[in-house]
Amino acid sequence: MDIVTGMSTADAIMTVCKRGSVPASLKRFIWDIQSMVELTDSEREILLIGRDLMTRLVASDDWLSAVFAKAEPGDGAQFQLFSDVLDRFTVVATVLSPGASLLIDQSSHWEIAGGLSAAVLRQAYDPIARTKAEARLLRSGEVETRGSRDAQSMILSNRAEAQSAISVHVYGGDLGKLARRAWIGEGMAEGQSLGYANGESAPPYDIFSIQTEIAD
């Protein structure tokens, strides 16, 4: 039995086989993000340095495990890749099947977003006035940042007819405590907020996996 995860050795091995060990590029990215938030309290610096780190990460799309890259037809899913134990940041992969949309309430959280595959349409939304800002297309390899003062609910959409779209995000807090709902037509779907889509076979990476040796 693994006293850290609570899983048997056999279950732990099976989980790693399905998810795979943390990819080198993601390990380096998480390590650098964690070091950055530990060394600075300046949100401006976090967004500036974080943009460069994210640009490096999304320059290639071959590192994301297949278990974090699937969504049901017509649906969107968010997978937690890593969560800081002090809730200072969360790394998330958003997967949108063709035609799917998600509404993310990320108010008060800064964000660094990178396009990994295809293109994600990002549109700020005011849930009180029910108004939407001008949409911005985040293409593969592109990066966008948003400070906490400018944080709003955000609609993420995939307008493609045949290809899923994937983006990677670093949020300045625990996104799991915020509301994430499906967006249907011109209105927000009522009902329960969406949780992470990880499941038992695809748990997020943990602090122990990123603290192993990193080769430059």
N, C-alpha and C. Protein backbone atom coordinates (compact mmCIF):
# COMPACT_ATOMS: atom_id res chain seq x y z
N MET A 1 0.83 -1.20 0.00
CA MET A 1 0.00 0.00 0.00
C MET A 1 0.87 1.25 0.00
N ASP A 2 0.56 2.20 -0.88
CA ASP A 2 1.25 3.49 -0.92
C ASP A 2 0.60 4.40 0.11
N ILE A 3 1.36 4.81 1.14
CA ILE A 3 0.78 5.59 2.22
C ILE A 3 0.44 7.01 1.77
N VAL A 4 1.01 7.45 0.64
CA VAL A 4 0.71 8.79 0.15
C VAL A 4 -0.60 8.82 -0.62
N THR A 5 -0.78 7.88 -1.56
CA THR A 5 -1.97 7.87 -2.40
C THR A 5 -3.08 6.99 -1.85
N GLY A 6 -2.75 6.06 -0.96
CA GLY A 6 -3.76 5.16 -0.43
C GLY A 6 -4.06 4.00 -1.38
N MET A 7 -3.34 3.92 -2.52
CA MET A 7 -3.56 2.85 -3.48
C MET A 7 -2.60 1.70 -3.24
N SER A 8 -3.03 0.51 -3.63
CA SER A 8 -2.13 -0.62 -3.58
C SER A 8 -1.07 -0.43 -4.65
N THR A 9 0.04 -1.15 -4.51
CA THR A 9 1.11 -1.02 -5.50
C THR A 9 0.62 -1.39 -6.89
N ALA A 10 -0.20 -2.44 -6.98
CA ALA A 10 -0.72 -2.88 -8.28
C ALA A 10 -1.61 -1.81 -8.90
N ASP A 11 -2.48 -1.18 -8.07
CA ASP A 11 -3.37 -0.13 -8.58
C ASP A 11 -2.56 1.08 -9.03
N ALA A 12 -1.53 1.42 -8.28
CA ALA A 12 -0.69 2.57 -8.62
C ALA A 12 0.02 2.34 -9.95
N ILE A 13 0.52 1.13 -10.16
CA ILE A 13 1.20 0.79 -11.41
C ILE A 13 0.23 0.87 -12.57
N MET A 14 -1.00 0.35 -12.37
CA MET A 14 -2.01 0.38 -13.43
C MET A 14 -2.38 1.81 -13.79
N THR A 15 -2.51 2.68 -12.77
CA THR A 15 -2.86 4.07 -13.01
C THR A 15 -1.78 4.76 -13.83
N VAL A 16 -0.51 4.54 -13.47
CA VAL A 16 0.60 5.15 -14.19
C VAL A 16 0.63 4.66 -15.63
N CYS A 17 0.30 3.37 -15.84
CA CYS A 17 0.28 2.83 -17.20
C CYS A 17 -0.77 3.54 -18.05
N LYS A 18 -1.93 3.84 -17.47
CA LYS A 18 -3.00 4.50 -18.22
C LYS A 18 -2.68 5.96 -18.46
N ARG A 19 -2.22 6.63 -17.43
CA ARG A 19 -1.95 8.06 -17.52
C ARG A 19 -0.55 8.36 -18.01
N GLY A 20 0.39 7.47 -17.66
CA GLY A 20 1.79 7.71 -17.96
C GLY A 20 2.42 8.60 -16.91
N SER A 21 3.73 8.57 -16.81
CA SER A 21 4.42 9.45 -15.89
C SER A 21 4.37 10.87 -16.43
N VAL A 22 4.66 11.83 -15.59
CA VAL A 22 4.55 13.23 -16.01
C VAL A 22 5.55 13.52 -17.13
N PRO A 23 5.09 14.06 -18.26
CA PRO A 23 5.99 14.37 -19.37
C PRO A 23 7.04 15.40 -18.96
N ALA A 24 8.23 15.29 -19.52
CA ALA A 24 9.33 16.17 -19.13
C ALA A 24 8.99 17.65 -19.31
N SER A 25 8.33 17.99 -20.43
CA SER A 25 8.01 19.40 -20.68
C SER A 25 6.99 19.92 -19.69
N LEU A 26 6.01 19.10 -19.31
CA LEU A 26 5.02 19.52 -18.32
C LEU A 26 5.64 19.60 -16.94
N LYS A 27 6.53 18.66 -16.63
CA LYS A 27 7.21 18.68 -15.33
C LYS A 27 8.00 19.97 -15.17
N ARG A 28 8.76 20.32 -16.20
CA ARG A 28 9.55 21.54 -16.16
C ARG A 28 8.63 22.76 -16.02
N PHE A 29 7.52 22.77 -16.76
CA PHE A 29 6.58 23.89 -16.71
C PHE A 29 6.00 24.07 -15.31
N ILE A 30 5.53 22.98 -14.71
CA ILE A 30 4.94 23.07 -13.37
C ILE A 30 5.98 23.50 -12.35
N TRP A 31 7.17 22.94 -12.47
CA TRP A 31 8.26 23.29 -11.55
C TRP A 31 8.56 24.78 -11.64
N ASP A 32 8.63 25.30 -12.87
CA ASP A 32 8.95 26.72 -13.06
C ASP A 32 7.81 27.61 -12.56
N ILE A 33 6.57 27.21 -12.80
CA ILE A 33 5.43 27.99 -12.31
C ILE A 33 5.44 28.02 -10.78
N GLN A 34 5.68 26.87 -10.16
CA GLN A 34 5.71 26.82 -8.70
C GLN A 34 6.84 27.68 -8.15
N SER A 35 8.00 27.61 -8.75
CA SER A 35 9.12 28.44 -8.31
C SER A 35 8.79 29.92 -8.46
N MET A 36 8.12 30.26 -9.54
CA MET A 36 7.77 31.64 -9.81
C MET A 36 6.81 32.21 -8.75
N VAL A 37 5.77 31.46 -8.41
CA VAL A 37 4.80 31.98 -7.44
C VAL A 37 5.39 32.01 -6.03
N GLU A 38 6.41 31.20 -5.80
CA GLU A 38 7.07 31.23 -4.49
C GLU A 38 8.01 32.42 -4.35
N LEU A 39 8.56 32.89 -5.48
CA LEU A 39 9.59 33.93 -5.44
C LEU A 39 9.05 35.34 -5.65
N THR A 40 7.82 35.46 -6.12
CA THR A 40 7.28 36.80 -6.37
C THR A 40 5.82 36.90 -5.94
N ASP A 41 5.46 38.06 -5.42
CA ASP A 41 4.07 38.36 -5.10
C ASP A 41 3.46 39.27 -6.16
N SER A 42 4.25 39.61 -7.17
CA SER A 42 3.79 40.52 -8.21
C SER A 42 3.01 39.76 -9.28
N GLU A 43 1.73 40.06 -9.39
CA GLU A 43 0.92 39.40 -10.41
C GLU A 43 1.42 39.76 -11.81
N ARG A 44 1.88 40.98 -11.97
CA ARG A 44 2.39 41.42 -13.27
C ARG A 44 3.58 40.54 -13.70
N GLU A 45 4.49 40.27 -12.77
CA GLU A 45 5.63 39.41 -13.07
C GLU A 45 5.19 37.99 -13.37
N ILE A 46 4.22 37.49 -12.60
CA ILE A 46 3.72 36.14 -12.82
C ILE A 46 3.17 35.99 -14.23
N LEU A 47 2.38 36.97 -14.67
CA LEU A 47 1.78 36.90 -16.00
C LEU A 47 2.84 37.07 -17.09
N LEU A 48 3.81 37.93 -16.85
CA LEU A 48 4.86 38.18 -17.84
C LEU A 48 5.76 36.96 -18.02
N ILE A 49 6.24 36.43 -16.90
CA ILE A 49 7.11 35.24 -16.97
C ILE A 49 6.29 34.02 -17.38
N GLY A 50 5.09 33.92 -16.84
CA GLY A 50 4.23 32.79 -17.15
C GLY A 50 3.88 32.70 -18.62
N ARG A 51 3.75 33.85 -19.29
CA ARG A 51 3.47 33.85 -20.73
C ARG A 51 4.60 33.14 -21.48
N ASP A 52 5.85 33.46 -21.11
CA ASP A 52 6.99 32.83 -21.78
C ASP A 52 7.03 31.32 -21.50
N LEU A 53 6.74 30.94 -20.25
CA LEU A 53 6.75 29.52 -19.90
C LEU A 53 5.66 28.77 -20.66
N MET A 54 4.48 29.37 -20.76
CA MET A 54 3.38 28.72 -21.48
C MET A 54 3.67 28.64 -22.98
N THR A 55 4.28 29.67 -23.53
CA THR A 55 4.64 29.66 -24.95
C THR A 55 5.55 28.49 -25.27
N ARG A 56 6.48 28.22 -24.35
CA ARG A 56 7.39 27.08 -24.53
C ARG A 56 6.62 25.76 -24.45
N LEU A 57 5.67 25.68 -23.51
CA LEU A 57 4.94 24.43 -23.31
C LEU A 57 4.07 24.08 -24.52
N VAL A 58 3.34 25.05 -25.05
CA VAL A 58 2.39 24.76 -26.14
C VAL A 58 3.02 24.82 -27.52
N ALA A 59 4.35 24.99 -27.57
CA ALA A 59 5.04 24.93 -28.86
C ALA A 59 4.94 23.54 -29.47
N SER A 60 4.68 22.55 -28.61
CA SER A 60 4.50 21.16 -29.06
C SER A 60 3.23 20.62 -28.41
N ASP A 61 2.50 19.78 -29.13
CA ASP A 61 1.26 19.23 -28.58
C ASP A 61 1.33 17.72 -28.34
N ASP A 62 2.55 17.17 -28.35
CA ASP A 62 2.69 15.71 -28.25
C ASP A 62 2.90 15.22 -26.82
N TRP A 63 2.83 16.11 -25.83
CA TRP A 63 3.13 15.72 -24.45
C TRP A 63 1.89 15.37 -23.63
N LEU A 64 0.72 15.83 -24.04
CA LEU A 64 -0.49 15.60 -23.24
C LEU A 64 -0.96 14.15 -23.37
N SER A 65 -1.09 13.47 -22.23
CA SER A 65 -1.56 12.08 -22.23
C SER A 65 -2.96 11.98 -22.83
N ALA A 66 -3.22 10.90 -23.54
CA ALA A 66 -4.52 10.70 -24.19
C ALA A 66 -5.67 10.70 -23.20
N VAL A 67 -5.41 10.31 -21.94
CA VAL A 67 -6.50 10.26 -20.96
C VAL A 67 -6.97 11.65 -20.56
N PHE A 68 -6.15 12.68 -20.85
CA PHE A 68 -6.51 14.06 -20.55
C PHE A 68 -6.96 14.81 -21.79
N ALA A 69 -7.19 14.11 -22.88
CA ALA A 69 -7.45 14.78 -24.16
C ALA A 69 -8.75 14.33 -24.82
N LYS A 70 -9.69 13.80 -24.03
CA LYS A 70 -10.93 13.28 -24.61
C LYS A 70 -12.14 13.90 -23.93
N ALA A 71 -13.15 14.22 -24.74
CA ALA A 71 -14.43 14.70 -24.23
C ALA A 71 -15.54 14.00 -25.00
N GLU A 72 -16.66 13.80 -24.36
CA GLU A 72 -17.80 13.16 -25.01
C GLU A 72 -18.29 14.02 -26.18
N PRO A 73 -18.86 13.40 -27.22
CA PRO A 73 -19.37 14.18 -28.37
C PRO A 73 -20.33 15.29 -27.92
N GLY A 74 -20.09 16.49 -28.41
CA GLY A 74 -20.94 17.62 -28.08
C GLY A 74 -20.72 18.19 -26.69
N ASP A 75 -19.66 17.74 -26.03
CA ASP A 75 -19.44 18.13 -24.64
C ASP A 75 -18.04 18.70 -24.47
N GLY A 76 -17.84 19.36 -23.34
CA GLY A 76 -16.53 19.87 -22.97
C GLY A 76 -16.12 19.28 -21.64
N ALA A 77 -14.82 19.19 -21.39
CA ALA A 77 -14.32 18.62 -20.14
C ALA A 77 -13.07 19.35 -19.71
N GLN A 78 -12.91 19.48 -18.40
CA GLN A 78 -11.68 20.05 -17.85
C GLN A 78 -10.99 19.01 -16.98
N PHE A 79 -9.71 18.79 -17.27
CA PHE A 79 -8.89 17.85 -16.52
C PHE A 79 -7.89 18.62 -15.68
N GLN A 80 -7.83 18.31 -14.41
CA GLN A 80 -6.82 18.90 -13.55
C GLN A 80 -5.51 18.15 -13.77
N LEU A 81 -4.48 18.88 -14.22
CA LEU A 81 -3.17 18.27 -14.43
C LEU A 81 -2.32 18.38 -13.17
N PHE A 82 -2.49 19.49 -12.43
CA PHE A 82 -1.73 19.67 -11.21
C PHE A 82 -2.39 20.76 -10.38
N SER A 83 -2.39 20.58 -9.06
CA SER A 83 -2.92 21.59 -8.16
C SER A 83 -1.91 21.85 -7.05
N ASP A 84 -1.53 23.08 -6.87
CA ASP A 84 -0.60 23.46 -5.82
C ASP A 84 -1.22 23.15 -4.46
N VAL A 85 -0.45 22.58 -3.55
CA VAL A 85 -0.99 22.18 -2.26
C VAL A 85 -1.46 23.36 -1.42
N LEU A 86 -0.96 24.56 -1.73
CA LEU A 86 -1.35 25.77 -1.01
C LEU A 86 -2.43 26.56 -1.77
N ASP A 87 -2.99 25.96 -2.81
CA ASP A 87 -4.05 26.58 -3.62
C ASP A 87 -3.61 27.88 -4.29
N ARG A 88 -2.30 28.02 -4.58
CA ARG A 88 -1.83 29.24 -5.23
C ARG A 88 -2.05 29.20 -6.73
N PHE A 89 -2.11 28.01 -7.31
CA PHE A 89 -2.38 27.88 -8.74
C PHE A 89 -2.86 26.47 -9.07
N THR A 90 -3.52 26.36 -10.20
CA THR A 90 -3.98 25.08 -10.71
C THR A 90 -3.67 25.01 -12.20
N VAL A 91 -3.18 23.86 -12.67
CA VAL A 91 -2.92 23.66 -14.09
C VAL A 91 -4.02 22.75 -14.64
N VAL A 92 -4.69 23.20 -15.69
CA VAL A 92 -5.88 22.53 -16.20
C VAL A 92 -5.80 22.38 -17.72
N ALA A 93 -6.26 21.25 -18.24
CA ALA A 93 -6.42 21.07 -19.68
C ALA A 93 -7.91 21.11 -19.99
N THR A 94 -8.31 21.96 -20.93
CA THR A 94 -9.71 22.05 -21.36
C THR A 94 -9.85 21.39 -22.72
N VAL A 95 -10.75 20.42 -22.82
CA VAL A 95 -10.99 19.71 -24.07
C VAL A 95 -12.42 19.97 -24.51
N LEU A 96 -12.58 20.48 -25.72
CA LEU A 96 -13.90 20.78 -26.27
C LEU A 96 -14.11 19.96 -27.53
N SER A 97 -15.10 19.09 -27.51
CA SER A 97 -15.43 18.35 -28.72
C SER A 97 -16.08 19.30 -29.72
N PRO A 98 -16.21 18.92 -30.98
CA PRO A 98 -16.78 19.83 -31.98
C PRO A 98 -18.13 20.40 -31.55
N GLY A 99 -18.26 21.73 -31.58
CA GLY A 99 -19.51 22.39 -31.24
C GLY A 99 -19.76 22.60 -29.76
N ALA A 100 -18.84 22.15 -28.91
CA ALA A 100 -19.06 22.22 -27.46
C ALA A 100 -18.61 23.57 -26.89
N SER A 101 -19.22 23.94 -25.75
CA SER A 101 -18.86 25.16 -25.04
C SER A 101 -18.92 24.92 -23.55
N LEU A 102 -18.08 25.66 -22.80
CA LEU A 102 -18.11 25.64 -21.34
C LEU A 102 -18.12 27.07 -20.84
N LEU A 103 -18.84 27.30 -19.74
CA LEU A 103 -18.81 28.60 -19.08
C LEU A 103 -18.00 28.45 -17.80
N ILE A 104 -16.91 29.21 -17.67
CA ILE A 104 -16.03 29.12 -16.52
C ILE A 104 -16.14 30.39 -15.70
N ASP A 105 -16.52 30.27 -14.44
CA ASP A 105 -16.54 31.41 -13.54
C ASP A 105 -15.16 31.51 -12.90
N GLN A 106 -14.32 32.40 -13.42
CA GLN A 106 -12.94 32.51 -12.93
C GLN A 106 -12.70 33.88 -12.32
N SER A 107 -13.75 34.50 -11.82
CA SER A 107 -13.61 35.82 -11.23
C SER A 107 -12.63 35.78 -10.07
N SER A 108 -11.81 36.82 -9.97
CA SER A 108 -10.78 37.03 -8.94
C SER A 108 -9.54 36.17 -9.15
N HIS A 109 -9.48 35.39 -10.22
CA HIS A 109 -8.32 34.55 -10.49
C HIS A 109 -7.58 35.05 -11.73
N TRP A 110 -6.25 35.22 -11.63
CA TRP A 110 -5.49 35.48 -12.84
C TRP A 110 -5.41 34.20 -13.66
N GLU A 111 -5.10 34.35 -14.94
CA GLU A 111 -5.08 33.18 -15.84
C GLU A 111 -4.00 33.34 -16.90
N ILE A 112 -3.34 32.23 -17.20
CA ILE A 112 -2.43 32.13 -18.34
C ILE A 112 -2.98 30.99 -19.19
N ALA A 113 -3.38 31.29 -20.42
CA ALA A 113 -4.00 30.28 -21.29
C ALA A 113 -3.17 30.08 -22.55
N GLY A 114 -2.99 28.83 -22.95
CA GLY A 114 -2.24 28.51 -24.16
C GLY A 114 -3.02 27.56 -25.05
N GLY A 115 -3.04 27.84 -26.34
CA GLY A 115 -3.70 26.94 -27.28
C GLY A 115 -2.82 25.75 -27.60
N LEU A 116 -3.35 24.56 -27.41
CA LEU A 116 -2.54 23.36 -27.64
C LEU A 116 -2.91 22.66 -28.94
N SER A 117 -4.20 22.58 -29.24
CA SER A 117 -4.66 21.88 -30.44
C SER A 117 -5.87 22.57 -31.01
N ALA A 118 -5.86 22.79 -32.33
CA ALA A 118 -6.95 23.48 -33.03
C ALA A 118 -7.11 24.89 -32.47
N ALA A 119 -8.34 25.37 -32.27
CA ALA A 119 -8.55 26.74 -31.82
C ALA A 119 -9.73 26.80 -30.86
N VAL A 120 -9.57 27.58 -29.79
CA VAL A 120 -10.62 27.77 -28.80
C VAL A 120 -11.09 29.21 -28.85
N LEU A 121 -12.39 29.41 -28.97
CA LEU A 121 -12.96 30.74 -28.96
C LEU A 121 -13.21 31.16 -27.52
N ARG A 122 -12.62 32.28 -27.10
CA ARG A 122 -12.73 32.77 -25.72
C ARG A 122 -13.56 34.06 -25.71
N GLN A 123 -14.57 34.07 -24.85
CA GLN A 123 -15.47 35.21 -24.82
C GLN A 123 -15.87 35.53 -23.38
N ALA A 124 -15.50 36.72 -22.89
CA ALA A 124 -15.89 37.14 -21.54
C ALA A 124 -17.40 37.32 -21.47
N TYR A 125 -17.97 36.95 -20.33
CA TYR A 125 -19.42 36.97 -20.17
C TYR A 125 -19.79 37.57 -18.82
N ASP A 126 -20.77 38.47 -18.83
CA ASP A 126 -21.29 39.07 -17.61
C ASP A 126 -22.59 38.37 -17.26
N PRO A 127 -22.59 37.49 -16.24
CA PRO A 127 -23.80 36.71 -15.93
C PRO A 127 -24.95 37.54 -15.37
N ILE A 128 -24.65 38.72 -14.85
CA ILE A 128 -25.71 39.58 -14.30
C ILE A 128 -26.41 40.33 -15.43
N ALA A 129 -25.61 40.99 -16.27
CA ALA A 129 -26.18 41.73 -17.40
C ALA A 129 -26.50 40.81 -18.58
N ARG A 130 -25.97 39.58 -18.51
CA ARG A 130 -26.14 38.60 -19.61
C ARG A 130 -25.61 39.15 -20.94
N THR A 131 -24.45 39.76 -20.87
CA THR A 131 -23.82 40.32 -22.06
C THR A 131 -22.48 39.63 -22.30
N LYS A 132 -22.11 39.53 -23.57
CA LYS A 132 -20.85 38.90 -23.97
C LYS A 132 -19.95 39.91 -24.64
N ALA A 133 -18.67 39.83 -24.33
CA ALA A 133 -17.68 40.70 -24.96
C ALA A 133 -17.31 40.14 -26.32
N GLU A 134 -16.48 40.87 -27.03
CA GLU A 134 -16.01 40.40 -28.34
C GLU A 134 -15.20 39.12 -28.17
N ALA A 135 -15.45 38.15 -29.02
CA ALA A 135 -14.77 36.85 -28.93
C ALA A 135 -13.35 36.95 -29.49
N ARG A 136 -12.44 36.20 -28.85
CA ARG A 136 -11.05 36.13 -29.30
C ARG A 136 -10.70 34.67 -29.56
N LEU A 137 -10.07 34.40 -30.69
CA LEU A 137 -9.71 33.03 -31.06
C LEU A 137 -8.30 32.73 -30.57
N LEU A 138 -8.17 31.70 -29.74
CA LEU A 138 -6.87 31.26 -29.25
C LEU A 138 -6.45 30.03 -30.06
N ARG A 139 -5.50 30.23 -30.94
CA ARG A 139 -5.05 29.15 -31.81
C ARG A 139 -3.90 28.37 -31.18
N SER A 140 -3.63 27.22 -31.77
CA SER A 140 -2.52 26.38 -31.31
C SER A 140 -1.23 27.17 -31.28
N GLY A 141 -0.52 27.13 -30.14
CA GLY A 141 0.74 27.82 -29.99
C GLY A 141 0.62 29.24 -29.48
N GLU A 142 -0.60 29.79 -29.44
CA GLU A 142 -0.80 31.16 -28.97
C GLU A 142 -1.06 31.19 -27.47
N VAL A 143 -0.75 32.32 -26.83
CA VAL A 143 -0.90 32.45 -25.38
C VAL A 143 -1.63 33.76 -25.06
N GLU A 144 -2.49 33.70 -24.08
CA GLU A 144 -3.22 34.89 -23.63
C GLU A 144 -3.20 34.92 -22.10
N THR A 145 -3.02 36.10 -21.52
CA THR A 145 -3.04 36.23 -20.07
C THR A 145 -4.15 37.18 -19.65
N ARG A 146 -4.61 37.01 -18.42
CA ARG A 146 -5.66 37.87 -17.88
C ARG A 146 -5.41 38.06 -16.39
N GLY A 147 -5.33 39.30 -15.95
CA GLY A 147 -5.09 39.58 -14.54
C GLY A 147 -6.34 39.41 -13.71
N SER A 148 -6.18 39.30 -12.40
CA SER A 148 -7.32 39.08 -11.51
C SER A 148 -8.29 40.26 -11.52
N ARG A 149 -7.78 41.48 -11.75
CA ARG A 149 -8.67 42.64 -11.79
C ARG A 149 -9.58 42.61 -13.02
N ASP A 150 -9.11 41.96 -14.06
CA ASP A 150 -9.89 41.86 -15.30
C ASP A 150 -10.62 40.53 -15.43
N ALA A 151 -10.54 39.72 -14.38
CA ALA A 151 -11.13 38.38 -14.45
C ALA A 151 -12.64 38.45 -14.54
N GLN A 152 -13.20 37.66 -15.44
CA GLN A 152 -14.64 37.57 -15.63
C GLN A 152 -15.00 36.13 -15.92
N SER A 153 -16.30 35.85 -15.91
CA SER A 153 -16.71 34.55 -16.40
C SER A 153 -16.32 34.46 -17.88
N MET A 154 -15.95 33.27 -18.31
CA MET A 154 -15.45 33.10 -19.66
C MET A 154 -16.14 31.92 -20.35
N ILE A 155 -16.63 32.17 -21.56
CA ILE A 155 -17.20 31.09 -22.37
C ILE A 155 -16.09 30.58 -23.29
N LEU A 156 -15.81 29.29 -23.22
CA LEU A 156 -14.83 28.65 -24.09
C LEU A 156 -15.59 27.78 -25.08
N SER A 157 -15.35 27.98 -26.37
CA SER A 157 -16.12 27.27 -27.39
C SER A 157 -15.22 26.71 -28.48
N ASN A 158 -15.70 25.64 -29.10
CA ASN A 158 -15.04 25.04 -30.25
C ASN A 158 -16.02 25.07 -31.42
N ARG A 159 -15.72 25.91 -32.39
CA ARG A 159 -16.62 26.07 -33.54
C ARG A 159 -16.34 25.07 -34.66
N ALA A 160 -15.30 24.27 -34.51
CA ALA A 160 -14.97 23.30 -35.55
C ALA A 160 -16.04 22.22 -35.65
N GLU A 161 -16.20 21.66 -36.81
CA GLU A 161 -17.22 20.64 -37.04
C GLU A 161 -16.70 19.22 -36.88
N ALA A 162 -15.39 19.05 -36.93
CA ALA A 162 -14.87 17.68 -36.92
C ALA A 162 -13.67 17.47 -36.02
N GLN A 163 -13.14 18.50 -35.39
CA GLN A 163 -11.91 18.37 -34.62
C GLN A 163 -12.08 18.93 -33.21
N SER A 164 -11.58 18.18 -32.23
CA SER A 164 -11.61 18.68 -30.86
C SER A 164 -10.58 19.79 -30.70
N ALA A 165 -10.84 20.70 -29.77
CA ALA A 165 -9.91 21.79 -29.48
C ALA A 165 -9.44 21.65 -28.03
N ILE A 166 -8.16 21.87 -27.80
CA ILE A 166 -7.59 21.71 -26.46
C ILE A 166 -6.78 22.95 -26.10
N SER A 167 -6.98 23.44 -24.90
CA SER A 167 -6.18 24.55 -24.39
C SER A 167 -5.69 24.19 -22.99
N VAL A 168 -4.58 24.80 -22.59
CA VAL A 168 -3.98 24.57 -21.28
C VAL A 168 -4.04 25.89 -20.51
N HIS A 169 -4.40 25.80 -19.23
CA HIS A 169 -4.57 27.01 -18.42
C HIS A 169 -3.84 26.87 -17.09
N VAL A 170 -3.31 27.98 -16.62
CA VAL A 170 -2.86 28.08 -15.23
C VAL A 170 -3.75 29.15 -14.60
N TYR A 171 -4.49 28.78 -13.58
CA TYR A 171 -5.35 29.71 -12.86
C TYR A 171 -4.71 30.04 -11.51
N GLY A 172 -4.86 31.28 -11.09
CA GLY A 172 -4.24 31.71 -9.84
C GLY A 172 -5.03 31.33 -8.61
N GLY A 173 -5.35 30.08 -8.46
CA GLY A 173 -6.11 29.57 -7.33
C GLY A 173 -6.66 28.20 -7.66
N ASP A 174 -7.52 27.70 -6.79
CA ASP A 174 -8.12 26.38 -6.99
C ASP A 174 -9.38 26.52 -7.82
N LEU A 175 -9.28 26.25 -9.11
CA LEU A 175 -10.43 26.37 -10.00
C LEU A 175 -11.54 25.40 -9.62
N GLY A 176 -11.19 24.32 -8.94
CA GLY A 176 -12.19 23.32 -8.56
C GLY A 176 -13.25 23.87 -7.63
N LYS A 177 -12.96 25.00 -6.97
CA LYS A 177 -13.94 25.60 -6.06
C LYS A 177 -14.85 26.60 -6.78
N LEU A 178 -14.61 26.81 -8.08
CA LEU A 178 -15.41 27.75 -8.85
C LEU A 178 -16.42 27.01 -9.71
N ALA A 179 -17.44 27.74 -10.15
CA ALA A 179 -18.50 27.13 -10.96
C ALA A 179 -18.05 26.94 -12.40
N ARG A 180 -18.29 25.77 -12.94
CA ARG A 180 -18.02 25.48 -14.34
C ARG A 180 -19.25 24.79 -14.89
N ARG A 181 -19.92 25.40 -15.86
CA ARG A 181 -21.17 24.86 -16.37
C ARG A 181 -21.13 24.72 -17.89
N ALA A 182 -21.96 23.84 -18.38
CA ALA A 182 -22.12 23.73 -19.83
C ALA A 182 -22.85 24.96 -20.34
N TRP A 183 -22.51 25.39 -21.54
CA TRP A 183 -23.18 26.54 -22.16
C TRP A 183 -24.01 26.00 -23.31
N ILE A 184 -25.31 26.21 -23.24
CA ILE A 184 -26.21 25.64 -24.24
C ILE A 184 -26.91 26.78 -24.98
N GLY A 185 -26.65 26.88 -26.28
CA GLY A 185 -27.29 27.91 -27.07
C GLY A 185 -26.94 29.29 -26.56
N GLU A 186 -27.95 30.07 -26.20
CA GLU A 186 -27.73 31.43 -25.71
C GLU A 186 -27.88 31.54 -24.21
N GLY A 187 -27.93 30.42 -23.51
CA GLY A 187 -28.10 30.50 -22.06
C GLY A 187 -27.25 29.49 -21.32
N MET A 188 -27.03 29.78 -20.04
CA MET A 188 -26.24 28.89 -19.20
C MET A 188 -27.10 27.73 -18.73
N ALA A 189 -26.56 26.55 -18.80
CA ALA A 189 -27.31 25.37 -18.36
C ALA A 189 -27.49 25.42 -16.85
N GLU A 190 -28.69 25.20 -16.40
CA GLU A 190 -28.93 25.15 -14.96
C GLU A 190 -28.55 23.77 -14.44
N GLY A 191 -28.39 23.66 -13.14
CA GLY A 191 -28.06 22.37 -12.56
C GLY A 191 -26.71 22.40 -11.88
N GLN A 192 -26.14 21.25 -11.67
CA GLN A 192 -24.90 21.16 -10.92
C GLN A 192 -23.71 21.68 -11.73
N SER A 193 -22.78 22.28 -11.01
CA SER A 193 -21.54 22.72 -11.65
C SER A 193 -20.75 21.51 -12.11
N LEU A 194 -19.98 21.70 -13.15
CA LEU A 194 -19.17 20.61 -13.68
C LEU A 194 -17.95 20.39 -12.82
N GLY A 195 -17.64 19.16 -12.52
CA GLY A 195 -16.42 18.85 -11.79
C GLY A 195 -15.31 18.52 -12.78
N TYR A 196 -14.15 18.19 -12.25
CA TYR A 196 -13.08 17.74 -13.13
C TYR A 196 -13.43 16.37 -13.71
N ALA A 197 -12.91 16.11 -14.90
CA ALA A 197 -13.25 14.88 -15.61
C ALA A 197 -12.22 13.78 -15.41
N ASN A 198 -11.29 13.95 -14.47
CA ASN A 198 -10.16 13.01 -14.36
C ASN A 198 -10.56 11.56 -14.18
N GLY A 199 -11.34 11.24 -13.16
CA GLY A 199 -11.67 9.85 -12.89
C GLY A 199 -10.50 9.11 -12.25
N GLU A 200 -10.74 7.91 -11.80
CA GLU A 200 -9.73 7.13 -11.08
C GLU A 200 -8.54 6.76 -11.95
N SER A 201 -8.77 6.59 -13.24
CA SER A 201 -7.68 6.16 -14.12
C SER A 201 -6.81 7.31 -14.61
N ALA A 202 -7.21 8.55 -14.27
CA ALA A 202 -6.45 9.70 -14.75
C ALA A 202 -6.33 10.77 -13.67
N PRO A 203 -5.73 10.43 -12.53
CA PRO A 203 -5.56 11.43 -11.47
C PRO A 203 -4.55 12.49 -11.90
N PRO A 204 -4.63 13.68 -11.32
CA PRO A 204 -3.62 14.70 -11.65
C PRO A 204 -2.25 14.27 -11.15
N TYR A 205 -1.23 14.86 -11.72
CA TYR A 205 0.13 14.61 -11.23
C TYR A 205 0.28 15.28 -9.87
N ASP A 206 1.20 14.75 -9.07
CA ASP A 206 1.35 15.30 -7.72
C ASP A 206 2.72 15.92 -7.52
N ILE A 207 2.90 16.51 -6.35
CA ILE A 207 4.13 17.24 -6.05
C ILE A 207 5.35 16.33 -6.08
N PHE A 208 5.17 15.05 -5.73
CA PHE A 208 6.30 14.13 -5.69
C PHE A 208 6.81 13.81 -7.10
N SER A 209 5.89 13.77 -8.07
CA SER A 209 6.29 13.44 -9.45
C SER A 209 7.03 14.59 -10.11
N ILE A 210 6.76 15.85 -9.70
CA ILE A 210 7.48 16.96 -10.34
C ILE A 210 8.76 17.32 -9.60
N GLN A 211 8.93 16.79 -8.40
CA GLN A 211 10.15 17.10 -7.64
C GLN A 211 11.28 16.11 -7.94
N THR A 212 11.03 15.15 -8.81
CA THR A 212 12.11 14.27 -9.24
C THR A 212 13.06 15.08 -10.12
N GLU A 213 14.21 14.53 -10.40
CA GLU A 213 15.26 15.27 -11.10
C GLU A 213 14.77 15.78 -12.45
N ILE A 214 15.08 17.06 -12.72
CA ILE A 214 14.74 17.68 -14.01
C ILE A 214 16.02 17.95 -14.75
N ALA A 215 16.13 17.39 -15.95
CA ALA A 215 17.33 17.59 -16.76
C ALA A 215 17.10 18.75 -17.72
N ASP A 216 18.02 19.69 -17.74
CA ASP A 216 17.91 20.84 -18.66
C ASP A 216 18.30 20.42 -20.06
